[in-house]
N, C-alpha and C. Protein backbone atom coordinates (compact mmCIF):
# COMPACT_ATOMS: atom_id res chain seq x y z
N UNK A 1 -41.59 54.14 29.31
CA UNK A 1 -40.36 54.65 28.72
C UNK A 1 -39.57 55.41 29.78
N UNK A 2 -38.27 55.12 29.87
CA UNK A 2 -37.42 55.82 30.82
C UNK A 2 -37.10 57.22 30.32
N UNK A 3 -36.65 58.09 31.22
CA UNK A 3 -36.26 59.44 30.84
C UNK A 3 -35.09 59.41 29.86
N UNK A 4 -34.17 58.45 30.04
CA UNK A 4 -33.04 58.34 29.13
C UNK A 4 -33.49 58.02 27.71
N UNK A 5 -34.49 57.13 27.59
CA UNK A 5 -35.02 56.78 26.26
C UNK A 5 -35.67 58.00 25.62
N UNK A 6 -36.46 58.74 26.40
CA UNK A 6 -37.13 59.91 25.84
C UNK A 6 -36.12 60.98 25.45
N UNK A 7 -35.08 61.16 26.28
CA UNK A 7 -34.04 62.14 25.96
C UNK A 7 -33.32 61.76 24.67
N UNK A 8 -33.11 60.46 24.45
CA UNK A 8 -32.46 59.99 23.23
C UNK A 8 -33.31 60.28 22.00
N UNK A 9 -34.62 60.05 22.12
CA UNK A 9 -35.55 60.34 21.02
C UNK A 9 -35.55 61.83 20.71
N UNK A 10 -35.64 62.65 21.75
CA UNK A 10 -35.67 64.10 21.55
C UNK A 10 -34.36 64.59 20.94
N UNK A 11 -33.25 63.99 21.32
CA UNK A 11 -31.96 64.39 20.75
C UNK A 11 -31.92 64.12 19.26
N UNK A 12 -32.44 62.97 18.84
CA UNK A 12 -32.48 62.65 17.41
C UNK A 12 -33.41 63.59 16.67
N UNK A 13 -34.61 63.81 17.21
CA UNK A 13 -35.61 64.64 16.53
C UNK A 13 -35.23 66.11 16.52
N UNK A 14 -34.41 66.54 17.48
CA UNK A 14 -34.05 67.95 17.58
C UNK A 14 -33.29 68.45 16.35
N UNK A 15 -32.69 67.53 15.60
CA UNK A 15 -31.93 67.91 14.41
C UNK A 15 -32.78 67.90 13.14
N UNK A 16 -34.07 67.58 13.27
CA UNK A 16 -34.94 67.39 12.11
C UNK A 16 -35.84 68.60 11.87
N UNK A 17 -36.15 68.81 10.59
CA UNK A 17 -37.05 69.89 10.18
C UNK A 17 -38.25 69.30 9.46
N UNK A 18 -39.44 69.68 9.89
CA UNK A 18 -40.68 69.23 9.25
C UNK A 18 -41.39 70.46 8.68
N UNK A 19 -41.77 70.39 7.42
CA UNK A 19 -42.55 71.45 6.80
C UNK A 19 -44.01 71.10 6.81
N UNK A 20 -44.87 72.03 7.20
CA UNK A 20 -46.31 71.76 7.29
C UNK A 20 -47.06 72.77 6.44
N UNK A 21 -47.73 72.27 5.42
CA UNK A 21 -48.54 73.11 4.54
C UNK A 21 -49.97 73.10 5.05
N UNK A 22 -50.36 74.17 5.74
CA UNK A 22 -51.69 74.26 6.32
C UNK A 22 -51.63 74.20 7.84
N UNK A 23 -52.30 75.14 8.50
CA UNK A 23 -52.28 75.20 9.97
C UNK A 23 -53.69 75.11 10.53
N UNK A 24 -54.55 74.32 9.88
CA UNK A 24 -55.91 74.13 10.35
C UNK A 24 -56.01 72.94 11.27
N UNK A 25 -57.09 72.15 11.11
CA UNK A 25 -57.33 71.02 11.99
C UNK A 25 -56.22 69.99 11.95
N UNK A 26 -55.75 69.66 10.77
CA UNK A 26 -54.66 68.70 10.64
C UNK A 26 -53.33 69.31 11.06
N UNK A 27 -52.98 70.45 10.44
CA UNK A 27 -51.67 71.02 10.65
C UNK A 27 -51.40 71.46 12.07
N UNK A 28 -52.38 72.10 12.71
CA UNK A 28 -52.16 72.59 14.08
C UNK A 28 -52.02 71.45 15.07
N UNK A 29 -52.84 70.42 14.94
CA UNK A 29 -52.76 69.28 15.85
C UNK A 29 -51.51 68.44 15.60
N UNK A 30 -51.16 68.26 14.34
CA UNK A 30 -49.94 67.52 14.00
C UNK A 30 -48.73 68.26 14.54
N UNK A 31 -48.69 69.57 14.36
CA UNK A 31 -47.56 70.37 14.83
C UNK A 31 -47.38 70.25 16.34
N UNK A 32 -48.47 70.30 17.09
CA UNK A 32 -48.36 70.20 18.54
C UNK A 32 -47.84 68.83 18.96
N UNK A 33 -48.27 67.78 18.29
CA UNK A 33 -47.79 66.43 18.61
C UNK A 33 -46.29 66.31 18.31
N UNK A 34 -45.87 66.89 17.19
CA UNK A 34 -44.45 66.83 16.84
C UNK A 34 -43.62 67.64 17.82
N UNK A 35 -44.13 68.80 18.24
CA UNK A 35 -43.40 69.62 19.21
C UNK A 35 -43.22 68.87 20.52
N UNK A 36 -44.28 68.22 20.99
CA UNK A 36 -44.21 67.47 22.25
C UNK A 36 -43.26 66.28 22.13
N UNK A 37 -43.07 65.78 20.91
CA UNK A 37 -42.18 64.63 20.70
C UNK A 37 -40.72 65.05 20.57
N UNK A 38 -40.47 66.33 20.25
CA UNK A 38 -39.10 66.80 20.23
C UNK A 38 -38.57 67.29 18.90
N UNK A 39 -39.43 67.46 17.89
CA UNK A 39 -38.96 67.99 16.61
C UNK A 39 -38.26 69.33 16.84
N UNK A 40 -37.12 69.52 16.18
CA UNK A 40 -36.34 70.72 16.40
C UNK A 40 -36.85 71.94 15.69
N UNK A 41 -37.33 71.76 14.45
CA UNK A 41 -37.76 72.92 13.67
C UNK A 41 -38.99 72.55 12.84
N UNK A 42 -39.93 73.48 12.75
CA UNK A 42 -41.09 73.34 11.88
C UNK A 42 -41.26 74.60 11.05
N UNK A 43 -41.47 74.40 9.76
CA UNK A 43 -41.82 75.49 8.86
C UNK A 43 -43.32 75.34 8.59
N UNK A 44 -44.12 76.31 9.03
CA UNK A 44 -45.57 76.21 8.93
C UNK A 44 -46.09 77.31 8.00
N UNK A 45 -46.86 76.91 6.99
CA UNK A 45 -47.34 77.85 5.98
C UNK A 45 -48.86 77.88 5.96
N UNK A 46 -49.45 79.05 6.15
CA UNK A 46 -50.90 79.22 6.08
C UNK A 46 -51.19 80.73 6.08
N UNK A 47 -52.07 81.19 5.19
CA UNK A 47 -52.37 82.61 5.10
C UNK A 47 -53.57 83.02 5.96
N UNK A 48 -54.30 82.05 6.51
CA UNK A 48 -55.61 82.30 7.12
C UNK A 48 -55.49 82.83 8.55
N UNK A 49 -56.60 83.41 9.02
CA UNK A 49 -56.72 83.83 10.41
C UNK A 49 -57.69 82.90 11.14
N UNK A 50 -57.63 82.93 12.47
CA UNK A 50 -58.49 82.08 13.29
C UNK A 50 -59.87 82.70 13.43
N UNK A 51 -60.90 81.92 13.14
CA UNK A 51 -62.25 82.37 13.41
C UNK A 51 -62.96 81.36 14.31
N UNK A 52 -64.13 81.73 14.80
CA UNK A 52 -64.81 80.92 15.81
C UNK A 52 -65.09 79.49 15.33
N UNK A 53 -65.42 79.33 14.06
CA UNK A 53 -65.74 77.99 13.55
C UNK A 53 -64.54 77.05 13.57
N UNK A 54 -63.34 77.59 13.69
CA UNK A 54 -62.14 76.74 13.73
C UNK A 54 -61.97 76.05 15.08
N UNK A 55 -62.57 76.59 16.13
CA UNK A 55 -62.28 76.12 17.48
C UNK A 55 -62.82 74.72 17.76
N UNK A 56 -63.68 74.20 16.87
CA UNK A 56 -64.23 72.86 17.13
C UNK A 56 -63.24 71.75 16.81
N UNK A 57 -62.09 72.08 16.19
CA UNK A 57 -61.16 71.01 15.81
C UNK A 57 -59.71 71.46 15.71
N UNK A 58 -59.43 72.75 15.77
CA UNK A 58 -58.08 73.24 15.56
C UNK A 58 -57.45 73.65 16.88
N UNK A 59 -56.13 73.56 16.98
CA UNK A 59 -55.43 73.76 18.25
C UNK A 59 -55.22 75.25 18.52
N UNK A 60 -56.34 75.95 18.70
CA UNK A 60 -56.31 77.37 19.02
C UNK A 60 -57.28 77.65 20.16
N UNK A 61 -57.27 78.89 20.64
CA UNK A 61 -58.05 79.26 21.80
C UNK A 61 -58.86 80.53 21.52
N UNK A 62 -59.89 80.73 22.33
CA UNK A 62 -60.82 81.83 22.09
C UNK A 62 -60.10 83.18 22.07
N UNK A 63 -59.10 83.34 22.91
CA UNK A 63 -58.40 84.63 22.96
C UNK A 63 -57.46 84.85 21.77
N UNK A 64 -57.39 83.85 20.86
CA UNK A 64 -56.57 83.99 19.66
C UNK A 64 -57.41 84.29 18.41
N UNK A 65 -58.70 84.45 18.57
CA UNK A 65 -59.55 84.76 17.42
C UNK A 65 -59.06 86.02 16.72
N UNK A 66 -58.99 85.94 15.39
CA UNK A 66 -58.53 87.07 14.59
C UNK A 66 -57.05 87.09 14.32
N UNK A 67 -56.28 86.24 15.00
CA UNK A 67 -54.84 86.18 14.76
C UNK A 67 -54.53 85.31 13.55
N UNK A 68 -53.38 85.56 12.93
CA UNK A 68 -52.88 84.66 11.90
C UNK A 68 -52.64 83.28 12.53
N UNK A 69 -53.11 82.24 11.85
CA UNK A 69 -52.95 80.90 12.41
C UNK A 69 -51.50 80.54 12.66
N UNK A 70 -50.63 80.88 11.72
CA UNK A 70 -49.23 80.48 11.89
C UNK A 70 -48.58 81.16 13.10
N UNK A 71 -48.97 82.40 13.37
CA UNK A 71 -48.40 83.11 14.51
C UNK A 71 -48.95 82.55 15.83
N UNK A 72 -50.25 82.25 15.84
CA UNK A 72 -50.86 81.67 17.04
C UNK A 72 -50.31 80.27 17.30
N UNK A 73 -50.09 79.51 16.24
CA UNK A 73 -49.56 78.16 16.41
C UNK A 73 -48.14 78.21 16.98
N UNK A 74 -47.34 79.15 16.51
CA UNK A 74 -46.00 79.31 17.09
C UNK A 74 -46.10 79.62 18.58
N UNK A 75 -47.01 80.50 18.97
CA UNK A 75 -47.21 80.82 20.38
C UNK A 75 -47.54 79.55 21.18
N UNK A 76 -48.46 78.76 20.65
CA UNK A 76 -48.94 77.58 21.38
C UNK A 76 -47.86 76.53 21.50
N UNK A 77 -47.10 76.32 20.42
CA UNK A 77 -46.00 75.36 20.47
C UNK A 77 -44.98 75.80 21.52
N UNK A 78 -44.64 77.07 21.52
CA UNK A 78 -43.57 77.53 22.41
C UNK A 78 -44.04 77.70 23.85
N UNK A 79 -45.34 77.66 24.10
CA UNK A 79 -45.83 77.58 25.46
C UNK A 79 -45.49 76.22 26.07
N UNK A 80 -45.41 75.20 25.21
CA UNK A 80 -45.08 73.85 25.66
C UNK A 80 -43.56 73.67 25.71
N UNK A 81 -42.90 73.95 24.59
CA UNK A 81 -41.44 73.83 24.49
C UNK A 81 -40.88 75.07 23.79
N UNK A 82 -40.40 76.04 24.56
CA UNK A 82 -39.90 77.29 23.96
C UNK A 82 -38.73 77.09 23.01
N UNK A 83 -38.01 75.97 23.16
CA UNK A 83 -36.83 75.76 22.33
C UNK A 83 -37.16 75.29 20.92
N UNK A 84 -38.41 74.89 20.65
CA UNK A 84 -38.77 74.47 19.31
C UNK A 84 -38.75 75.68 18.37
N UNK A 85 -38.05 75.54 17.27
CA UNK A 85 -37.92 76.62 16.29
C UNK A 85 -39.08 76.53 15.30
N UNK A 86 -40.02 77.44 15.39
CA UNK A 86 -41.17 77.47 14.49
C UNK A 86 -41.02 78.67 13.56
N UNK A 87 -40.93 78.39 12.25
CA UNK A 87 -40.87 79.46 11.26
C UNK A 87 -42.26 79.63 10.66
N UNK A 88 -43.01 80.67 11.02
CA UNK A 88 -44.36 80.87 10.51
C UNK A 88 -44.34 81.70 9.23
N UNK A 89 -44.97 81.19 8.18
CA UNK A 89 -45.04 81.90 6.91
C UNK A 89 -46.50 82.13 6.55
N UNK A 90 -46.95 83.36 6.68
CA UNK A 90 -48.35 83.70 6.41
C UNK A 90 -48.52 84.06 4.94
N UNK A 91 -48.43 83.05 4.09
CA UNK A 91 -48.57 83.27 2.64
C UNK A 91 -49.57 82.26 2.08
N UNK A 92 -50.19 82.65 0.99
CA UNK A 92 -51.09 81.74 0.28
C UNK A 92 -50.22 80.85 -0.62
N UNK A 93 -50.26 79.55 -0.40
CA UNK A 93 -49.38 78.64 -1.12
C UNK A 93 -49.71 78.58 -2.61
N UNK A 94 -48.71 78.80 -3.43
CA UNK A 94 -48.80 78.62 -4.87
C UNK A 94 -47.73 77.61 -5.26
N UNK A 95 -47.85 77.07 -6.47
CA UNK A 95 -46.91 76.04 -6.92
C UNK A 95 -45.46 76.51 -6.84
N UNK A 96 -45.22 77.79 -7.17
CA UNK A 96 -43.84 78.27 -7.19
C UNK A 96 -43.25 78.45 -5.80
N UNK A 97 -44.07 78.34 -4.74
CA UNK A 97 -43.57 78.43 -3.38
C UNK A 97 -42.98 77.12 -2.88
N UNK A 98 -43.43 76.01 -3.44
CA UNK A 98 -43.18 74.71 -2.82
C UNK A 98 -41.69 74.41 -2.64
N UNK A 99 -40.93 74.48 -3.71
CA UNK A 99 -39.51 74.15 -3.60
C UNK A 99 -38.73 75.12 -2.73
N UNK A 100 -38.86 76.43 -2.92
CA UNK A 100 -38.09 77.34 -2.05
C UNK A 100 -38.39 77.19 -0.56
N UNK A 101 -39.65 76.93 -0.23
CA UNK A 101 -40.03 76.85 1.18
C UNK A 101 -39.66 75.51 1.81
N UNK A 102 -39.86 74.42 1.09
CA UNK A 102 -39.78 73.09 1.70
C UNK A 102 -38.53 72.29 1.34
N UNK A 103 -37.63 72.83 0.53
CA UNK A 103 -36.48 72.04 0.05
C UNK A 103 -35.52 71.64 1.17
N UNK A 104 -35.52 72.36 2.29
CA UNK A 104 -34.62 72.02 3.39
C UNK A 104 -35.23 71.07 4.41
N UNK A 105 -36.46 70.63 4.17
CA UNK A 105 -37.18 69.80 5.15
C UNK A 105 -36.78 68.33 5.05
N UNK A 106 -36.83 67.65 6.20
CA UNK A 106 -36.64 66.20 6.21
C UNK A 106 -37.93 65.49 5.81
N UNK A 107 -39.08 66.09 6.13
CA UNK A 107 -40.39 65.54 5.79
C UNK A 107 -41.33 66.71 5.55
N UNK A 108 -42.27 66.51 4.63
CA UNK A 108 -43.29 67.52 4.33
C UNK A 108 -44.66 66.97 4.70
N UNK A 109 -45.48 67.80 5.34
CA UNK A 109 -46.84 67.43 5.70
C UNK A 109 -47.82 68.23 4.85
N UNK A 110 -48.72 67.54 4.19
CA UNK A 110 -49.83 68.19 3.48
C UNK A 110 -51.02 68.21 4.42
N UNK A 111 -51.46 69.42 4.80
CA UNK A 111 -52.56 69.57 5.75
C UNK A 111 -53.49 70.68 5.28
N UNK A 112 -53.82 70.66 4.00
CA UNK A 112 -54.60 71.72 3.37
C UNK A 112 -56.07 71.35 3.30
N UNK A 113 -56.94 72.38 3.24
CA UNK A 113 -58.38 72.17 3.23
C UNK A 113 -58.96 72.06 1.82
N UNK A 114 -58.64 73.03 0.98
CA UNK A 114 -59.26 73.11 -0.34
C UNK A 114 -58.72 72.03 -1.27
N UNK A 115 -59.62 71.31 -1.94
CA UNK A 115 -59.24 70.18 -2.78
C UNK A 115 -58.27 70.59 -3.88
N UNK A 116 -58.55 71.73 -4.53
CA UNK A 116 -57.70 72.16 -5.64
C UNK A 116 -56.29 72.49 -5.14
N UNK A 117 -56.20 73.20 -4.02
CA UNK A 117 -54.90 73.56 -3.46
C UNK A 117 -54.15 72.31 -3.00
N UNK A 118 -54.88 71.38 -2.38
CA UNK A 118 -54.30 70.12 -1.91
C UNK A 118 -53.68 69.35 -3.08
N UNK A 119 -54.44 69.18 -4.15
CA UNK A 119 -53.95 68.41 -5.29
C UNK A 119 -52.75 69.08 -5.95
N UNK A 120 -52.81 70.40 -6.09
CA UNK A 120 -51.71 71.13 -6.70
C UNK A 120 -50.44 71.01 -5.86
N UNK A 121 -50.60 71.13 -4.55
CA UNK A 121 -49.44 71.03 -3.66
C UNK A 121 -48.82 69.64 -3.74
N UNK A 122 -49.64 68.61 -3.68
CA UNK A 122 -49.13 67.23 -3.71
C UNK A 122 -48.41 66.96 -5.03
N UNK A 123 -49.02 67.34 -6.13
CA UNK A 123 -48.41 67.10 -7.44
C UNK A 123 -47.07 67.83 -7.56
N UNK A 124 -47.03 69.07 -7.10
CA UNK A 124 -45.80 69.86 -7.19
C UNK A 124 -44.71 69.28 -6.30
N UNK A 125 -45.07 68.94 -5.07
CA UNK A 125 -44.07 68.39 -4.15
C UNK A 125 -43.51 67.07 -4.65
N UNK A 126 -44.37 66.20 -5.16
CA UNK A 126 -43.90 64.91 -5.67
C UNK A 126 -43.02 65.07 -6.90
N UNK A 127 -43.32 66.06 -7.72
CA UNK A 127 -42.55 66.27 -8.93
C UNK A 127 -41.22 66.97 -8.65
N UNK A 128 -41.24 68.00 -7.80
CA UNK A 128 -40.05 68.82 -7.61
C UNK A 128 -39.17 68.37 -6.45
N UNK A 129 -39.77 67.69 -5.45
CA UNK A 129 -39.01 67.25 -4.27
C UNK A 129 -39.28 65.77 -4.00
N UNK A 130 -39.06 64.90 -4.99
CA UNK A 130 -39.43 63.48 -4.83
C UNK A 130 -38.62 62.74 -3.78
N UNK A 131 -37.47 63.28 -3.39
CA UNK A 131 -36.61 62.62 -2.41
C UNK A 131 -37.06 62.88 -0.97
N UNK A 132 -37.98 63.83 -0.78
CA UNK A 132 -38.45 64.15 0.57
C UNK A 132 -39.79 63.46 0.82
N UNK A 133 -39.91 62.66 1.88
CA UNK A 133 -41.20 62.02 2.17
C UNK A 133 -42.31 63.05 2.33
N UNK A 134 -43.47 62.75 1.73
CA UNK A 134 -44.65 63.61 1.80
C UNK A 134 -45.76 62.86 2.52
N UNK A 135 -46.23 63.40 3.64
CA UNK A 135 -47.29 62.77 4.44
C UNK A 135 -48.56 63.60 4.27
N UNK A 136 -49.53 63.04 3.56
CA UNK A 136 -50.76 63.74 3.24
C UNK A 136 -51.93 63.14 4.01
N UNK A 137 -53.12 63.73 3.82
CA UNK A 137 -54.33 63.22 4.48
C UNK A 137 -55.51 63.32 3.52
N UNK A 138 -56.40 62.34 3.61
CA UNK A 138 -57.60 62.34 2.78
C UNK A 138 -58.68 61.50 3.45
N UNK A 139 -59.85 62.11 3.68
CA UNK A 139 -60.97 61.35 4.24
C UNK A 139 -60.98 61.33 5.75
N UNK A 140 -61.53 62.42 6.36
CA UNK A 140 -61.59 62.46 7.83
C UNK A 140 -62.86 63.13 8.32
N UNK A 141 -63.80 63.38 7.43
CA UNK A 141 -65.03 64.08 7.80
C UNK A 141 -65.94 63.18 8.65
N UNK A 142 -66.81 63.83 9.40
CA UNK A 142 -67.81 63.08 10.17
C UNK A 142 -67.27 62.53 11.47
N UNK A 143 -67.80 61.36 11.87
CA UNK A 143 -67.44 60.77 13.16
C UNK A 143 -67.54 59.26 13.04
N UNK A 144 -66.97 58.58 14.02
CA UNK A 144 -67.03 57.12 14.05
C UNK A 144 -66.16 56.46 12.99
N UNK A 145 -66.40 55.16 12.79
CA UNK A 145 -65.71 54.37 11.76
C UNK A 145 -64.19 54.44 11.91
N UNK A 146 -63.72 54.27 13.14
CA UNK A 146 -62.27 54.27 13.37
C UNK A 146 -61.55 53.24 12.52
N UNK A 147 -62.21 52.09 12.32
CA UNK A 147 -61.55 50.99 11.62
C UNK A 147 -61.29 51.28 10.15
N UNK A 148 -61.92 52.34 9.61
CA UNK A 148 -61.68 52.68 8.21
C UNK A 148 -60.47 53.59 8.02
N UNK A 149 -59.98 54.16 9.10
CA UNK A 149 -58.83 55.05 9.01
C UNK A 149 -57.56 54.23 8.89
N UNK A 150 -56.73 54.58 7.94
CA UNK A 150 -55.55 53.77 7.64
C UNK A 150 -54.48 54.66 6.98
N UNK A 151 -53.32 54.08 6.77
CA UNK A 151 -52.25 54.74 6.03
C UNK A 151 -51.88 53.90 4.82
N UNK A 152 -51.80 54.53 3.67
CA UNK A 152 -51.35 53.86 2.46
C UNK A 152 -50.14 54.60 1.92
N UNK A 153 -49.16 53.84 1.44
CA UNK A 153 -47.91 54.43 0.99
C UNK A 153 -47.52 53.92 -0.39
N UNK A 154 -47.03 54.84 -1.21
CA UNK A 154 -46.42 54.50 -2.49
C UNK A 154 -45.09 55.24 -2.54
N UNK A 155 -44.01 54.51 -2.33
CA UNK A 155 -42.70 55.15 -2.29
C UNK A 155 -42.63 56.16 -1.16
N UNK A 156 -42.27 57.39 -1.49
CA UNK A 156 -42.15 58.45 -0.49
C UNK A 156 -43.46 59.21 -0.24
N UNK A 157 -44.55 58.73 -0.81
CA UNK A 157 -45.85 59.39 -0.66
C UNK A 157 -46.74 58.56 0.25
N UNK A 158 -47.22 59.18 1.32
CA UNK A 158 -48.03 58.48 2.33
C UNK A 158 -49.32 59.25 2.56
N UNK A 159 -50.45 58.54 2.63
CA UNK A 159 -51.75 59.17 2.83
C UNK A 159 -52.45 58.55 4.03
N UNK A 160 -52.86 59.40 4.99
CA UNK A 160 -53.58 58.96 6.18
C UNK A 160 -55.05 59.37 6.06
N UNK A 161 -55.96 58.51 6.53
CA UNK A 161 -57.39 58.79 6.49
C UNK A 161 -58.14 57.63 5.87
N UNK A 162 -59.44 57.80 5.63
CA UNK A 162 -60.19 56.72 4.98
C UNK A 162 -60.22 56.87 3.47
N UNK A 163 -59.73 58.03 2.98
CA UNK A 163 -59.61 58.33 1.55
C UNK A 163 -60.96 58.37 0.82
N UNK A 164 -62.05 58.53 1.57
CA UNK A 164 -63.38 58.55 0.95
C UNK A 164 -64.24 59.71 1.44
N UNK A 165 -64.40 59.86 2.73
CA UNK A 165 -65.38 60.81 3.26
C UNK A 165 -64.92 62.26 3.08
N UNK A 166 -65.69 63.01 2.31
CA UNK A 166 -65.40 64.42 2.09
C UNK A 166 -66.30 65.28 2.98
N UNK A 167 -65.80 66.45 3.32
CA UNK A 167 -66.56 67.37 4.16
C UNK A 167 -67.82 67.83 3.42
N UNK A 168 -68.95 67.81 4.13
CA UNK A 168 -70.22 68.27 3.56
C UNK A 168 -71.09 68.75 4.71
N UNK A 169 -72.30 69.23 4.39
CA UNK A 169 -73.23 69.66 5.44
C UNK A 169 -73.59 68.49 6.35
N UNK A 170 -73.69 67.30 5.78
CA UNK A 170 -74.04 66.12 6.55
C UNK A 170 -72.85 65.54 7.31
N UNK A 171 -71.64 65.75 6.78
CA UNK A 171 -70.42 65.22 7.39
C UNK A 171 -69.42 66.35 7.61
N UNK A 172 -69.61 67.14 8.67
CA UNK A 172 -68.68 68.24 8.94
C UNK A 172 -67.36 67.70 9.51
N UNK A 173 -66.32 68.50 9.47
CA UNK A 173 -65.07 68.09 10.13
C UNK A 173 -65.19 68.31 11.64
N UNK A 174 -65.02 67.26 12.41
CA UNK A 174 -65.14 67.33 13.86
C UNK A 174 -63.83 66.92 14.53
N UNK A 175 -63.64 67.39 15.75
CA UNK A 175 -62.35 67.23 16.43
C UNK A 175 -61.86 65.79 16.51
N UNK A 176 -62.69 64.80 16.88
CA UNK A 176 -62.13 63.46 17.07
C UNK A 176 -61.51 62.86 15.81
N UNK A 177 -62.26 62.86 14.71
CA UNK A 177 -61.74 62.20 13.50
C UNK A 177 -60.60 62.99 12.88
N UNK A 178 -60.74 64.32 12.84
CA UNK A 178 -59.66 65.15 12.32
C UNK A 178 -58.41 64.97 13.18
N UNK A 179 -58.61 64.96 14.49
CA UNK A 179 -57.49 64.78 15.40
C UNK A 179 -56.80 63.44 15.26
N UNK A 180 -57.58 62.38 15.06
CA UNK A 180 -57.00 61.05 14.87
C UNK A 180 -56.10 61.04 13.65
N UNK A 181 -56.59 61.61 12.55
CA UNK A 181 -55.80 61.60 11.32
C UNK A 181 -54.55 62.46 11.48
N UNK A 182 -54.66 63.59 12.17
CA UNK A 182 -53.49 64.42 12.44
C UNK A 182 -52.46 63.65 13.27
N UNK A 183 -52.93 62.88 14.25
CA UNK A 183 -52.02 62.08 15.06
C UNK A 183 -51.42 60.94 14.24
N UNK A 184 -52.18 60.39 13.31
CA UNK A 184 -51.63 59.37 12.41
C UNK A 184 -50.49 59.97 11.59
N UNK A 185 -50.69 61.19 11.10
CA UNK A 185 -49.62 61.85 10.35
C UNK A 185 -48.38 62.04 11.22
N UNK A 186 -48.58 62.56 12.44
CA UNK A 186 -47.45 62.78 13.33
C UNK A 186 -46.76 61.47 13.69
N UNK A 187 -47.53 60.44 13.95
CA UNK A 187 -46.98 59.15 14.31
C UNK A 187 -46.17 58.55 13.16
N UNK A 188 -46.67 58.70 11.95
CA UNK A 188 -45.94 58.21 10.78
C UNK A 188 -44.63 58.99 10.59
N UNK A 189 -44.67 60.29 10.85
CA UNK A 189 -43.46 61.09 10.75
C UNK A 189 -42.40 60.57 11.71
N UNK A 190 -42.79 60.27 12.94
CA UNK A 190 -41.84 59.71 13.89
C UNK A 190 -41.29 58.38 13.41
N UNK A 191 -42.16 57.55 12.81
CA UNK A 191 -41.70 56.27 12.27
C UNK A 191 -40.67 56.48 11.17
N UNK A 192 -40.92 57.45 10.30
CA UNK A 192 -39.99 57.71 9.21
C UNK A 192 -38.66 58.27 9.70
N UNK A 193 -38.70 59.06 10.76
CA UNK A 193 -37.48 59.69 11.27
C UNK A 193 -36.72 58.81 12.26
N UNK A 194 -37.43 57.98 13.02
CA UNK A 194 -36.80 57.18 14.07
C UNK A 194 -36.70 55.71 13.72
N UNK A 195 -37.48 55.28 12.72
CA UNK A 195 -37.57 53.85 12.43
C UNK A 195 -38.74 53.24 13.17
N UNK A 196 -39.14 52.06 12.74
CA UNK A 196 -40.29 51.38 13.35
C UNK A 196 -39.82 50.56 14.52
N UNK A 197 -40.45 50.78 15.67
CA UNK A 197 -40.10 50.02 16.90
C UNK A 197 -41.23 49.07 17.22
N UNK A 198 -40.89 47.84 17.55
CA UNK A 198 -41.92 46.86 17.90
C UNK A 198 -42.61 47.28 19.17
N UNK A 199 -43.94 47.32 19.13
CA UNK A 199 -44.73 47.79 20.27
C UNK A 199 -44.98 46.65 21.26
N UNK A 200 -45.31 47.06 22.49
CA UNK A 200 -45.64 46.06 23.52
C UNK A 200 -45.05 46.47 24.84
N UNK A 201 -45.49 45.83 25.90
CA UNK A 201 -44.96 46.12 27.22
C UNK A 201 -45.66 47.30 27.85
N UNK A 202 -45.03 47.87 28.87
CA UNK A 202 -45.65 48.95 29.62
C UNK A 202 -45.57 50.26 28.86
N UNK A 203 -46.47 51.20 29.22
CA UNK A 203 -46.50 52.50 28.56
C UNK A 203 -45.54 53.47 29.25
């Protein structure tokens, strides 16, 4: 890709806003990929702080332990591209937050851990903001089985992952599979915002 092509992509993406619900393994990695691609603004919502167990898959560093995830993620994004506008909201997501927080977004990312919170968020977003594409994730625990990871779409609702493997003692969330699904989410967001380009040729 020439510099002119990349500048054109960044110019288009610079006017876009992506809302990310959750700043863990999915949300933090997806956010960094979007920042590197040129997204202009991200609204990131997560009430949690960084602990040591997060470092095996989330885009944080040892010296950030104990910090609010959304604040640390803003730091990390702006270390790469200071011009990216990151709005960090350290709140516990409830149904009544969804529309006020995400109504100005071009795309919404569901990157939540807890099943109940995930389902509530998806249902609320689809009901209250059906015109905004929602990119969710389901099934990324464990390792291997790359060929089972896929994207399925119904209208404006898109789900990345294998849609089967749940986190358990036997199948913990690990960096490679979580990261792949986060990159699938980011890649799909670019497709939705830029259109699908036929692949091939030199990198």
